[in-house]
């Protein structure tokens, strides 16, 4: 039985080293896209928390509420929010509505999930009194059905008025 010659062995080692180097560079510069982060959900850019006007007749289920205006990048499939925490107050999924903003217009119906892709969202948290959130910044945690927790720090903008609703 004959062994490999020194030149063939050296060539195999060089090729293996080049392949390993390319893989390391690919991961370092995220050239493989979402291969290592499938299903990862993260906020993009600033987030703003609006409180409901104290004299507003628009109160979901007759409860006070706050609105989170945030852009979320979901590199996986649609994923449900199983709970949220705002300034230490827990919100159940039945008190969370998600609205998608497309071309500057708010969708007319809410969904119960964070959609795939990068989307500007308005998330309504029912049962949170604006007086309990403080003046900001406010820490918000979204616990998702895929087991991930998304951490968002939002600036408190104040009551939602006709002029601010145009910016949503």
Protein backbone atom coordinates (compact mmCIF):
# COMPACT_ATOMS: atom_id res chain seq x y z
CA UNK A 1 0.00 0.00 0.00
CA UNK A 2 1.38 3.35 -0.97
CA UNK A 3 0.98 6.54 1.07
CA UNK A 4 0.23 10.00 -0.25
CA UNK A 5 3.17 11.93 -1.54
CA UNK A 6 4.32 15.00 0.35
CA UNK A 7 3.10 17.32 -2.44
CA UNK A 8 -0.44 15.88 -2.42
CA UNK A 9 -0.61 16.14 1.38
CA UNK A 10 0.58 19.75 1.25
CA UNK A 11 -2.01 20.57 -1.42
CA UNK A 12 -4.83 19.07 0.68
CA UNK A 13 -3.72 21.11 3.70
CA UNK A 14 -3.60 24.34 1.65
CA UNK A 15 -7.08 23.78 0.20
CA UNK A 16 -8.52 22.95 3.64
CA UNK A 17 -6.92 26.09 5.12
CA UNK A 18 -8.38 28.29 2.39
CA UNK A 19 -11.87 26.81 2.87
CA UNK A 20 -11.70 27.35 6.64
CA UNK A 21 -10.47 30.93 6.15
CA UNK A 22 -13.36 31.68 3.75
CA UNK A 23 -15.91 30.32 6.24
CA UNK A 24 -14.45 32.42 9.06
CA UNK A 25 -14.49 35.58 6.90
CA UNK A 26 -18.05 34.80 5.74
CA UNK A 27 -19.34 34.62 9.31
CA UNK A 28 -17.30 37.65 10.40
CA UNK A 29 -18.86 39.84 7.70
CA UNK A 30 -22.30 38.15 7.81
CA UNK A 31 -21.96 36.99 4.20
CA UNK A 32 -24.17 33.99 4.86
CA UNK A 33 -27.23 36.17 5.54
CA UNK A 34 -29.47 34.84 8.27
CA UNK A 35 -27.95 31.34 8.34
CA UNK A 36 -26.85 31.69 11.95
CA UNK A 37 -29.75 33.85 13.07
CA UNK A 38 -32.86 32.23 11.63
CA UNK A 39 -35.90 33.44 13.48
CA UNK A 40 -34.07 36.31 15.16
CA UNK A 41 -36.29 39.31 15.89
CA UNK A 42 -34.76 42.70 16.67
CA UNK A 43 -35.82 46.35 16.86
CA UNK A 44 -34.40 48.72 14.26
CA UNK A 45 -33.89 52.41 14.97
CA UNK A 46 -35.70 54.49 17.58
CA UNK A 47 -38.94 53.49 19.30
CA UNK A 48 -41.60 55.85 20.60
CA UNK A 49 -44.27 55.26 23.23
CA UNK A 50 -47.47 57.31 23.02
CA UNK A 51 -49.94 57.52 25.86
CA UNK A 52 -53.63 57.64 25.19
CA UNK A 53 -55.25 61.03 25.73
CA UNK A 54 -56.81 61.12 29.22
CA UNK A 55 -60.14 62.39 27.86
CA UNK A 56 -60.23 60.18 24.78
CA UNK A 57 -63.29 58.13 23.97
CA UNK A 58 -61.03 55.72 22.08
CA UNK A 59 -60.17 53.16 24.74
CA UNK A 60 -59.99 49.53 23.66
CA UNK A 61 -62.30 47.51 25.88
CA UNK A 62 -62.84 50.67 27.95
CA UNK A 63 -59.28 50.40 29.28
CA UNK A 64 -56.43 52.88 29.19
CA UNK A 65 -53.68 52.01 26.74
CA UNK A 66 -50.29 53.00 25.34
CA UNK A 67 -49.04 52.74 21.75
CA UNK A 68 -45.54 51.64 20.78
CA UNK A 69 -44.28 52.88 17.40
CA UNK A 70 -41.30 50.68 16.46
CA UNK A 71 -39.65 49.10 13.43
CA UNK A 72 -38.97 45.39 13.90
CA UNK A 73 -36.81 43.15 11.74
CA UNK A 74 -38.05 39.54 11.88
CA UNK A 75 -35.65 37.26 9.99
CA UNK A 76 -37.93 34.26 10.48
CA UNK A 77 -41.60 33.41 10.02
CA UNK A 78 -44.46 35.32 11.65
CA UNK A 79 -44.17 34.96 15.43
CA UNK A 80 -46.75 35.62 18.16
CA UNK A 81 -46.15 37.76 21.24
CA UNK A 82 -46.86 35.60 24.29
CA UNK A 83 -46.49 38.45 26.82
CA UNK A 84 -45.01 41.89 27.26
CA UNK A 85 -43.61 43.87 30.15
CA UNK A 86 -43.68 47.68 30.20
CA UNK A 87 -41.99 49.40 33.14
CA UNK A 88 -42.47 46.26 35.21
CA UNK A 89 -46.17 45.83 34.28
CA UNK A 90 -47.02 42.55 32.55
CA UNK A 91 -49.44 42.58 29.62
CA UNK A 92 -51.15 39.36 28.49
CA UNK A 93 -51.40 38.52 24.78
CA UNK A 94 -55.15 39.16 24.80
CA UNK A 95 -54.35 42.82 25.61
CA UNK A 96 -51.84 43.27 22.76
CA UNK A 97 -52.74 44.30 19.22
CA UNK A 98 -50.23 44.75 16.41
CA UNK A 99 -50.90 47.08 13.46
CA UNK A 100 -48.65 47.21 10.39
CA UNK A 101 -47.73 50.56 8.86
CA UNK A 102 -47.36 50.32 5.08
CA UNK A 103 -46.56 53.30 2.87
CA UNK A 104 -47.25 55.62 5.82
CA UNK A 105 -50.75 54.21 6.38
CA UNK A 106 -51.86 52.19 9.38
CA UNK A 107 -53.58 48.88 8.66
CA UNK A 108 -57.26 48.88 9.58
CA UNK A 109 -57.15 45.51 11.34
CA UNK A 110 -54.77 44.21 13.94
CA UNK A 111 -52.80 40.99 13.79
CA UNK A 112 -51.68 38.80 16.67
CA UNK A 113 -48.08 38.36 15.52
CA UNK A 114 -44.91 40.12 14.45
CA UNK A 115 -44.79 39.67 10.67
CA UNK A 116 -41.76 38.35 8.80
CA UNK A 117 -39.41 40.94 7.32
CA UNK A 118 -38.68 44.49 8.41
CA UNK A 119 -41.88 46.37 9.24
CA UNK A 120 -42.92 49.52 11.03
CA UNK A 121 -45.43 48.44 13.68
CA UNK A 122 -47.83 50.12 16.06
CA UNK A 123 -48.30 47.84 19.05
CA UNK A 124 -51.22 48.69 21.35
CA UNK A 125 -50.95 47.60 24.98
CA UNK A 126 -54.37 47.68 26.65
CA UNK A 127 -54.69 48.03 30.40
CA UNK A 128 -51.50 50.07 30.86
CA UNK A 129 -52.22 53.41 32.44
CA UNK A 130 -50.12 56.16 30.86
CA UNK A 131 -49.62 57.67 34.31
CA UNK A 132 -47.67 54.58 35.42
CA UNK A 133 -45.05 54.56 32.67
CA UNK A 134 -43.17 57.69 33.68
CA UNK A 135 -41.50 60.20 31.40
CA UNK A 136 -39.04 57.80 29.80
CA UNK A 137 -37.07 56.22 28.51
CA UNK A 138 -39.22 53.12 29.05
CA UNK A 139 -37.94 49.55 28.93
CA UNK A 140 -40.21 47.12 27.10
CA UNK A 141 -39.78 43.36 26.82
CA UNK A 142 -41.67 41.30 24.26
CA UNK A 143 -41.65 37.54 24.93
CA UNK A 144 -42.21 35.66 21.68
CA UNK A 145 -43.60 32.21 20.90
CA UNK A 146 -40.21 31.16 19.47
CA UNK A 147 -38.68 31.56 22.94
CA UNK A 148 -36.90 34.83 22.19
CA UNK A 149 -37.25 37.97 24.30
CA UNK A 150 -36.94 41.28 22.44
CA UNK A 151 -35.75 44.28 24.48
CA UNK A 152 -36.86 47.73 23.36
CA UNK A 153 -36.07 51.10 24.92
CA UNK A 154 -38.69 53.65 23.91
CA UNK A 155 -38.87 57.40 24.30
CA UNK A 156 -42.12 58.64 25.81
CA UNK A 157 -43.66 61.12 23.41
CA UNK A 158 -46.82 61.99 25.34
CA UNK A 159 -50.49 61.86 24.50
CA UNK A 160 -51.47 60.84 21.00
CA UNK A 161 -53.04 63.86 19.35
CA UNK A 162 -54.25 64.59 15.83
CA UNK A 163 -50.89 66.16 14.97
CA UNK A 164 -48.81 63.23 16.27
CA UNK A 165 -51.08 60.60 14.72
CA UNK A 166 -50.14 61.99 11.31
CA UNK A 167 -46.52 60.97 11.97
CA UNK A 168 -47.40 57.32 12.67
